[in-house]
Amino acid sequence: MKLTIDLKYFVIAIISLVLAYMTITYKIDNYIQFAGELNAMFFFICTSTMGLLALVGSFVKLSK
């Protein structure tokens, strides 16, 4: 069994996880003005979930 990485999903995963990290460290506040802490929390949950699902989807099993 050989695994390859699909770059389309891998790039989406990296961008989403970087946005989630920036949300946790409050660095994204320089670019996005959230209306409240709940909005920032939901944004973090959405970006981290999207990043993890795209990361799982980026690994493709090759068949013979």
PDB file of N, CA and C in Angstrom:
ATOM      1  N   MET A   1       0.844  -1.176   0.000  1.00  0.00           N
ATOM      2  CA  MET A   1       0.000   0.000   0.000  1.00  0.00           C
ATOM      3  C   MET A   1       0.890   1.240   0.000  1.00  0.00           C
ATOM      4  N   LYS A   2       0.593   2.136  -0.908  1.00  0.00           N
ATOM      5  CA  LYS A   2       1.378   3.354  -1.024  1.00  0.00           C
ATOM      6  C   LYS A   2       0.455   4.561  -0.874  1.00  0.00           C
ATOM      7  N   LEU A   3       0.852   5.497  -0.031  1.00  0.00           N
ATOM      8  CA  LEU A   3       0.072   6.710   0.189  1.00  0.00           C
ATOM      9  C   LEU A   3       0.727   7.881  -0.528  1.00  0.00           C
ATOM     10  N   THR A   4      -0.091   8.703  -1.123  1.00  0.00           N
ATOM     11  CA  THR A   4       0.392   9.949  -1.710  1.00  0.00           C
ATOM     12  C   THR A   4      -0.382  11.106  -1.099  1.00  0.00           C
ATOM     13  N   ILE A   5       0.137  12.298  -1.273  1.00  0.00           N
ATOM     14  CA  ILE A   5      -0.498  13.491  -0.735  1.00  0.00           C
ATOM     15  C   ILE A   5      -1.097  14.290  -1.885  1.00  0.00           C
ATOM     16  N   ASP A   6      -2.393  14.530  -1.806  1.00  0.00           N
ATOM     17  CA  ASP A   6      -3.076  15.371  -2.780  1.00  0.00           C
ATOM     18  C   ASP A   6      -2.869  16.827  -2.363  1.00  0.00           C
ATOM     19  N   LEU A   7      -2.154  17.578  -3.181  1.00  0.00           N
ATOM     20  CA  LEU A   7      -1.739  18.923  -2.798  1.00  0.00           C
ATOM     21  C   LEU A   7      -2.898  19.909  -2.684  1.00  0.00           C
ATOM     22  N   LYS A   8      -3.997  19.677  -3.420  1.00  0.00           N
ATOM     23  CA  LYS A   8      -5.135  20.592  -3.323  1.00  0.00           C
ATOM     24  C   LYS A   8      -5.662  20.642  -1.896  1.00  0.00           C
ATOM     25  N   TYR A   9      -5.889  19.474  -1.323  1.00  0.00           N
ATOM     26  CA  TYR A   9      -6.424  19.406   0.029  1.00  0.00           C
ATOM     27  C   TYR A   9      -5.367  19.731   1.075  1.00  0.00           C
ATOM     28  N   PHE A  10      -4.120  19.423   0.785  1.00  0.00           N
ATOM     29  CA  PHE A  10      -3.043  19.686   1.734  1.00  0.00           C
ATOM     30  C   PHE A  10      -2.837  21.190   1.926  1.00  0.00           C
ATOM     31  N   VAL A  11      -2.909  21.950   0.846  1.00  0.00           N
ATOM     32  CA  VAL A  11      -2.752  23.406   0.932  1.00  0.00           C
ATOM     33  C   VAL A  11      -3.922  24.011   1.705  1.00  0.00           C
ATOM     34  N   ILE A  12      -5.130  23.524   1.450  1.00  0.00           N
ATOM     35  CA  ILE A  12      -6.302  23.996   2.199  1.00  0.00           C
ATOM     36  C   ILE A  12      -6.140  23.689   3.679  1.00  0.00           C
ATOM     37  N   ALA A  13      -5.609  22.507   3.997  1.00  0.00           N
ATOM     38  CA  ALA A  13      -5.408  22.123   5.396  1.00  0.00           C
ATOM     39  C   ALA A  13      -4.397  23.039   6.072  1.00  0.00           C
ATOM     40  N   ILE A  14      -3.308  23.332   5.406  1.00  0.00           N
ATOM     41  CA  ILE A  14      -2.274  24.195   5.984  1.00  0.00           C
ATOM     42  C   ILE A  14      -2.820  25.599   6.224  1.00  0.00           C
ATOM     43  N   ILE A  15      -3.531  26.160   5.251  1.00  0.00           N
ATOM     44  CA  ILE A  15      -4.085  27.504   5.404  1.00  0.00           C
ATOM     45  C   ILE A  15      -5.102  27.542   6.540  1.00  0.00           C
ATOM     46  N   SER A  16      -5.951  26.541   6.616  1.00  0.00           N
ATOM     47  CA  SER A  16      -6.972  26.513   7.668  1.00  0.00           C
ATOM     48  C   SER A  16      -6.345  26.378   9.053  1.00  0.00           C
ATOM     49  N   LEU A  17      -5.342  25.538   9.186  1.00  0.00           N
ATOM     50  CA  LEU A  17      -4.705  25.367  10.487  1.00  0.00           C
ATOM     51  C   LEU A  17      -3.897  26.600  10.892  1.00  0.00           C
ATOM     52  N   VAL A  18      -3.331  27.303   9.928  1.00  0.00           N
ATOM     53  CA  VAL A  18      -2.634  28.553  10.233  1.00  0.00           C
ATOM     54  C   VAL A  18      -3.637  29.605  10.712  1.00  0.00           C
ATOM     55  N   LEU A  19      -4.799  29.672  10.078  1.00  0.00           N
ATOM     56  CA  LEU A  19      -5.832  30.607  10.529  1.00  0.00           C
ATOM     57  C   LEU A  19      -6.326  30.261  11.928  1.00  0.00           C
ATOM     58  N   ALA A  20      -6.460  28.971  12.226  1.00  0.00           N
ATOM     59  CA  ALA A  20      -6.878  28.562  13.568  1.00  0.00           C
ATOM     60  C   ALA A  20      -5.816  28.956  14.595  1.00  0.00           C
ATOM     61  N   TYR A  21      -4.547  28.771  14.258  1.00  0.00           N
ATOM     62  CA  TYR A  21      -3.459  29.161  15.164  1.00  0.00           C
ATOM     63  C   TYR A  21      -3.446  30.672  15.384  1.00  0.00           C
ATOM     64  N   MET A  22      -3.655  31.429  14.305  1.00  0.00           N
ATOM     65  CA  MET A  22      -3.675  32.883  14.431  1.00  0.00           C
ATOM     66  C   MET A  22      -4.853  33.344  15.282  1.00  0.00           C
ATOM     67  N   THR A  23      -5.959  32.608  15.251  1.00  0.00           N
ATOM     68  CA  THR A  23      -7.110  32.969  16.058  1.00  0.00           C
ATOM     69  C   THR A  23      -6.816  32.750  17.538  1.00  0.00           C
ATOM     70  N   ILE A  24      -6.153  31.656  17.865  1.00  0.00           N
ATOM     71  CA  ILE A  24      -5.838  31.358  19.261  1.00  0.00           C
ATOM     72  C   ILE A  24      -4.837  32.369  19.834  1.00  0.00           C
ATOM     73  N   THR A  25      -3.877  32.789  19.025  1.00  0.00           N
ATOM     74  CA  THR A  25      -2.848  33.712  19.513  1.00  0.00           C
ATOM     75  C   THR A  25      -3.218  35.180  19.327  1.00  0.00           C
ATOM     76  N   TYR A  26      -4.440  35.458  18.905  1.00  0.00           N
ATOM     77  CA  TYR A  26      -4.966  36.813  18.710  1.00  0.00           C
ATOM     78  C   TYR A  26      -4.217  37.603  17.644  1.00  0.00           C
ATOM     79  N   LYS A  27      -3.448  36.966  16.782  1.00  0.00           N
ATOM     80  CA  LYS A  27      -2.761  37.685  15.711  1.00  0.00           C
ATOM     81  C   LYS A  27      -3.714  38.028  14.573  1.00  0.00           C
ATOM     82  N   ILE A  28      -4.809  37.292  14.471  1.00  0.00           N
ATOM     83  CA  ILE A  28      -5.764  37.546  13.392  1.00  0.00           C
ATOM     84  C   ILE A  28      -6.583  38.803  13.661  1.00  0.00           C
ATOM     85  N   ASP A  29      -6.551  39.300  14.894  1.00  0.00           N
ATOM     86  CA  ASP A  29      -7.290  40.527  15.226  1.00  0.00           C
ATOM     87  C   ASP A  29      -6.750  41.738  14.481  1.00  0.00           C
ATOM     88  N   ASN A  30      -5.527  41.650  13.971  1.00  0.00           N
ATOM     89  CA  ASN A  30      -4.989  42.738  13.155  1.00  0.00           C
ATOM     90  C   ASN A  30      -5.646  42.788  11.783  1.00  0.00           C
ATOM     91  N   TYR A  31      -6.255  41.686  11.345  1.00  0.00           N
ATOM     92  CA  TYR A  31      -6.831  41.594  10.013  1.00  0.00           C
ATOM     93  C   TYR A  31      -8.352  41.501  10.030  1.00  0.00           C
ATOM     94  N   ILE A  32      -8.926  40.837  11.032  1.00  0.00           N
ATOM     95  CA  ILE A  32     -10.370  40.638  11.128  1.00  0.00           C
ATOM     96  C   ILE A  32     -10.840  41.200  12.461  1.00  0.00           C
ATOM     97  N   GLN A  33     -11.902  41.988  12.439  1.00  0.00           N
ATOM     98  CA  GLN A  33     -12.502  42.508  13.655  1.00  0.00           C
ATOM     99  C   GLN A  33     -13.733  41.663  13.981  1.00  0.00           C
ATOM    100  N   PHE A  34     -13.630  40.814  15.002  1.00  0.00           N
ATOM    101  CA  PHE A  34     -14.753  39.985  15.397  1.00  0.00           C
ATOM    102  C   PHE A  34     -15.719  40.803  16.249  1.00  0.00           C
ATOM    103  N   ALA A  35     -17.009  40.473  16.151  1.00  0.00           N
ATOM    104  CA  ALA A  35     -18.030  41.188  16.913  1.00  0.00           C
ATOM    105  C   ALA A  35     -18.034  40.772  18.375  1.00  0.00           C
ATOM    106  N   GLY A  36     -17.459  39.622  18.686  1.00  0.00           N
ATOM    107  CA  GLY A  36     -17.424  39.160  20.064  1.00  0.00           C
ATOM    108  C   GLY A  36     -16.559  37.922  20.187  1.00  0.00           C
ATOM    109  N   GLU A  37     -16.406  37.477  21.416  1.00  0.00           N
ATOM    110  CA  GLU A  37     -15.562  36.306  21.665  1.00  0.00           C
ATOM    111  C   GLU A  37     -16.196  35.020  21.118  1.00  0.00           C
ATOM    112  N   LEU A  38     -17.527  34.949  21.125  1.00  0.00           N
ATOM    113  CA  LEU A  38     -18.190  33.762  20.580  1.00  0.00           C
ATOM    114  C   LEU A  38     -17.960  33.637  19.076  1.00  0.00           C
ATOM    115  N   ASN A  39     -17.907  34.762  18.377  1.00  0.00           N
ATOM    116  CA  ASN A  39     -17.616  34.727  16.944  1.00  0.00           C
ATOM    117  C   ASN A  39     -16.201  34.216  16.694  1.00  0.00           C
ATOM    118  N   ALA A  40     -15.260  34.660  17.493  1.00  0.00           N
ATOM    119  CA  ALA A  40     -13.881  34.190  17.358  1.00  0.00           C
ATOM    120  C   ALA A  40     -13.775  32.705  17.682  1.00  0.00           C
ATOM    121  N   MET A  41     -14.521  32.255  18.696  1.00  0.00           N
ATOM    122  CA  MET A  41     -14.494  30.838  19.056  1.00  0.00           C
ATOM    123  C   MET A  41     -15.089  29.988  17.934  1.00  0.00           C
ATOM    124  N   PHE A  42     -16.200  30.427  17.356  1.00  0.00           N
ATOM    125  CA  PHE A  42     -16.805  29.676  16.263  1.00  0.00           C
ATOM    126  C   PHE A  42     -15.904  29.664  15.037  1.00  0.00           C
ATOM    127  N   PHE A  43     -15.219  30.783  14.776  1.00  0.00           N
ATOM    128  CA  PHE A  43     -14.273  30.842  13.664  1.00  0.00           C
ATOM    129  C   PHE A  43     -13.128  29.850  13.886  1.00  0.00           C
ATOM    130  N   PHE A  44     -12.641  29.764  15.125  1.00  0.00           N
ATOM    131  CA  PHE A  44     -11.592  28.802  15.438  1.00  0.00           C
ATOM    132  C   PHE A  44     -12.078  27.367  15.245  1.00  0.00           C
ATOM    133  N   ILE A  45     -13.283  27.072  15.713  1.00  0.00           N
ATOM    134  CA  ILE A  45     -13.818  25.715  15.572  1.00  0.00           C
ATOM    135  C   ILE A  45     -13.991  25.359  14.102  1.00  0.00           C
ATOM    136  N   CYS A  46     -14.505  26.286  13.311  1.00  0.00           N
ATOM    137  CA  CYS A  46     -14.691  26.020  11.880  1.00  0.00           C
ATOM    138  C   CYS A  46     -13.366  25.819  11.146  1.00  0.00           C
ATOM    139  N   THR A  47     -12.390  26.694  11.404  1.00  0.00           N
ATOM    140  CA  THR A  47     -11.122  26.574  10.683  1.00  0.00           C
ATOM    141  C   THR A  47     -10.327  25.352  11.125  1.00  0.00           C
ATOM    142  N   SER A  48     -10.363  25.022  12.401  1.00  0.00           N
ATOM    143  CA  SER A  48      -9.614  23.841  12.841  1.00  0.00           C
ATOM    144  C   SER A  48     -10.267  22.557  12.344  1.00  0.00           C
ATOM    145  N   THR A  49     -11.603  22.506  12.341  1.00  0.00           N
ATOM    146  CA  THR A  49     -12.287  21.324  11.818  1.00  0.00           C
ATOM    147  C   THR A  49     -12.040  21.173  10.320  1.00  0.00           C
ATOM    148  N   MET A  50     -12.127  22.276   9.591  1.00  0.00           N
ATOM    149  CA  MET A  50     -11.868  22.222   8.159  1.00  0.00           C
ATOM    150  C   MET A  50     -10.425  21.812   7.881  1.00  0.00           C
ATOM    151  N   GLY A  51      -9.490  22.311   8.676  1.00  0.00           N
ATOM    152  CA  GLY A  51      -8.088  21.954   8.492  1.00  0.00           C
ATOM    153  C   GLY A  51      -7.828  20.484   8.758  1.00  0.00           C
ATOM    154  N   LEU A  52      -8.418  19.950   9.807  1.00  0.00           N
ATOM    155  CA  LEU A  52      -8.198  18.535  10.121  1.00  0.00           C
ATOM    156  C   LEU A  52      -8.864  17.618   9.098  1.00  0.00           C
ATOM    157  N   LEU A  53     -10.062  17.965   8.659  1.00  0.00           N
ATOM    158  CA  LEU A  53     -10.734  17.142   7.651  1.00  0.00           C
ATOM    159  C   LEU A  53     -10.014  17.205   6.301  1.00  0.00           C
ATOM    160  N   ALA A  54      -9.516  18.368   5.937  1.00  0.00           N
ATOM    161  CA  ALA A  54      -8.752  18.477   4.691  1.00  0.00           C
ATOM    162  C   ALA A  54      -7.427  17.732   4.794  1.00  0.00           C
ATOM    163  N   LEU A  55      -6.843  17.725   5.990  1.00  0.00           N
ATOM    164  CA  LEU A  55      -5.598  16.981   6.179  1.00  0.00           C
ATOM    165  C   LEU A  55      -5.828  15.485   6.023  1.00  0.00           C
ATOM    166  N   VAL A  56      -6.923  14.991   6.581  1.00  0.00           N
ATOM    167  CA  VAL A  56      -7.264  13.576   6.419  1.00  0.00           C
ATOM    168  C   VAL A  56      -7.559  13.278   4.952  1.00  0.00           C
ATOM    169  N   GLY A  57      -8.257  14.189   4.275  1.00  0.00           N
ATOM    170  CA  GLY A  57      -8.603  13.984   2.868  1.00  0.00           C
ATOM    171  C   GLY A  57      -7.426  14.121   1.922  1.00  0.00           C
ATOM    172  N   SER A  58      -6.341  14.686   2.368  1.00  0.00           N
ATOM    173  CA  SER A  58      -5.201  14.884   1.475  1.00  0.00           C
ATOM    174  C   SER A  58      -4.384  13.616   1.255  1.00  0.00           C
ATOM    175  N   PHE A  59      -4.562  12.621   2.107  1.00  0.00           N
ATOM    176  CA  PHE A  59      -3.834  11.373   1.935  1.00  0.00           C
ATOM    177  C   PHE A  59      -4.660  10.415   1.094  1.00  0.00           C
ATOM    178  N   VAL A  60      -4.094  10.010  -0.036  1.00  0.00           N
ATOM    179  CA  VAL A  60      -4.797   9.177  -1.005  1.00  0.00           C
ATOM    180  C   VAL A  60      -4.043   7.852  -1.121  1.00  0.00           C
ATOM    181  N   LYS A  61      -4.784   6.747  -1.040  1.00  0.00           N
ATOM    182  CA  LYS A  61      -4.183   5.426  -1.201  1.00  0.00           C
ATOM    183  C   LYS A  61      -4.181   5.074  -2.686  1.00  0.00           C
ATOM    184  N   LEU A  62      -3.020   4.736  -3.203  1.00  0.00           N
ATOM    185  CA  LEU A  62      -2.917   4.326  -4.589  1.00  0.00           C
ATOM    186  C   LEU A  62      -3.207   2.825  -4.702  1.00  0.00           C
ATOM    187  N   SER A  63      -3.967   2.487  -5.719  1.00  0.00           N
ATOM    188  CA  SER A  63      -4.223   1.066  -5.976  1.00  0.00           C
ATOM    189  C   SER A  63      -3.547   0.680  -7.279  1.00  0.00           C
ATOM    190  N   LYS A  64      -3.252  -0.594  -7.401  1.00  0.00           N
ATOM    191  CA  LYS A  64      -2.520  -1.060  -8.593  1.00  0.00           C
ATOM    192  C   LYS A  64      -3.411  -1.237  -9.770  1.00  0.00           C
TER     193      LYS A  64
END
